[in-house]
C-alpha cells in the first residue's frame, strides 16, 4: 500500500520547512559555484520566504505524504 499524498498551497506557516529545505539543498554548491559565492543563511531564506508566502500573488505548493497528507483531507 502506498502512502497518501496531498498537494496544497503553501502559506507563511510553511516557511520554516521550506527555508530549511532550500538551504540544505545547497550543500554541494560550493564545489562548483563561482568564486565568492556564498549560500544564503537559514535566516535569510526564512525572511524572504515568509514575505513571499504572505503575498497572495505568489504561488508555492507543498507536497505532503503520510500522516501530514491525511491531516489535509
Protein backbone atom coordinates (compact mmCIF):
# COMPACT_ATOMS: atom_id res chain seq x y z
CA UNK A 1 0.00 0.00 0.00
CA UNK A 2 1.29 3.47 -0.84
CA UNK A 3 1.26 6.44 1.47
CA UNK A 4 -1.40 9.09 0.94
CA UNK A 5 -0.14 12.24 -0.75
CA UNK A 6 -1.65 15.71 -0.65
CA UNK A 7 -0.67 18.85 -2.53
CA UNK A 8 -1.81 22.20 -1.20
CA UNK A 9 -0.93 25.82 -1.48
CA UNK A 10 1.90 26.74 0.88
CA UNK A 11 1.40 29.54 3.36
CA UNK A 12 3.50 31.53 5.82
CA UNK A 13 3.42 28.65 8.34
CA UNK A 14 5.34 26.53 5.82
CA UNK A 15 8.24 28.99 5.62
CA UNK A 16 10.49 27.24 8.20
CA UNK A 17 10.35 23.85 6.48
CA UNK A 18 10.75 25.36 3.01
CA UNK A 19 13.68 27.52 4.14
CA UNK A 20 15.42 24.51 5.70
CA UNK A 21 14.96 22.50 2.52
CA UNK A 22 16.29 25.32 0.35
CA UNK A 23 19.41 25.83 2.47
CA UNK A 24 20.10 22.10 2.82
CA UNK A 25 19.75 21.64 -0.95
CA UNK A 26 22.74 23.94 -1.44
CA UNK A 27 25.21 21.73 0.49
CA UNK A 28 27.04 20.66 -2.68
CA UNK A 29 27.06 24.05 -4.42
CA UNK A 30 30.43 25.27 -3.04
CA UNK A 31 32.13 22.55 -5.09
CA UNK A 32 31.11 24.13 -8.40
CA UNK A 33 29.81 27.61 -7.59
CA UNK A 34 31.65 30.69 -8.89
CA UNK A 35 34.38 32.13 -6.72
CA UNK A 36 32.95 34.33 -4.00
CA UNK A 37 29.52 32.67 -3.99
CA UNK A 38 28.05 32.27 -0.53
CA UNK A 39 24.96 30.29 0.22
CA UNK A 40 22.16 32.15 1.95
CA UNK A 41 21.69 31.54 5.64
CA UNK A 42 18.60 29.86 7.01
CA UNK A 43 17.51 33.20 8.45
CA UNK A 44 17.84 34.92 5.06
CA UNK A 45 15.79 32.21 3.36
CA UNK A 46 13.20 32.27 6.13
CA UNK A 47 12.78 36.05 5.93
CA UNK A 48 12.43 36.00 2.16
CA UNK A 49 10.03 33.06 2.10
CA UNK A 50 7.82 34.43 4.86
CA UNK A 51 7.41 37.63 2.87
CA UNK A 52 6.74 35.84 -0.43
CA UNK A 53 4.30 33.32 1.06
CA UNK A 54 2.25 36.14 2.59
CA UNK A 55 1.76 37.67 -0.90
CA UNK A 56 -1.45 36.32 -2.50
CA UNK A 57 0.09 36.83 -5.95
CA UNK A 58 2.96 34.41 -5.13
CA UNK A 59 2.31 30.75 -5.82
CA UNK A 60 4.05 27.95 -3.95
CA UNK A 61 2.78 24.45 -3.29
CA UNK A 62 3.64 21.94 -0.59
CA UNK A 63 3.53 18.22 -1.22
CA UNK A 64 2.82 16.20 1.90
CA UNK A 65 3.00 12.46 2.46
CA UNK A 66 1.79 10.04 5.09
CA UNK A 67 0.19 11.40 8.25
CA UNK A 68 0.75 15.00 7.14
CA UNK A 69 -1.25 14.30 3.98
CA UNK A 70 -4.04 12.67 5.96
CA UNK A 71 -4.37 15.83 8.07
CA UNK A 72 -5.07 17.79 4.86
CA UNK A 73 -8.02 15.60 3.90
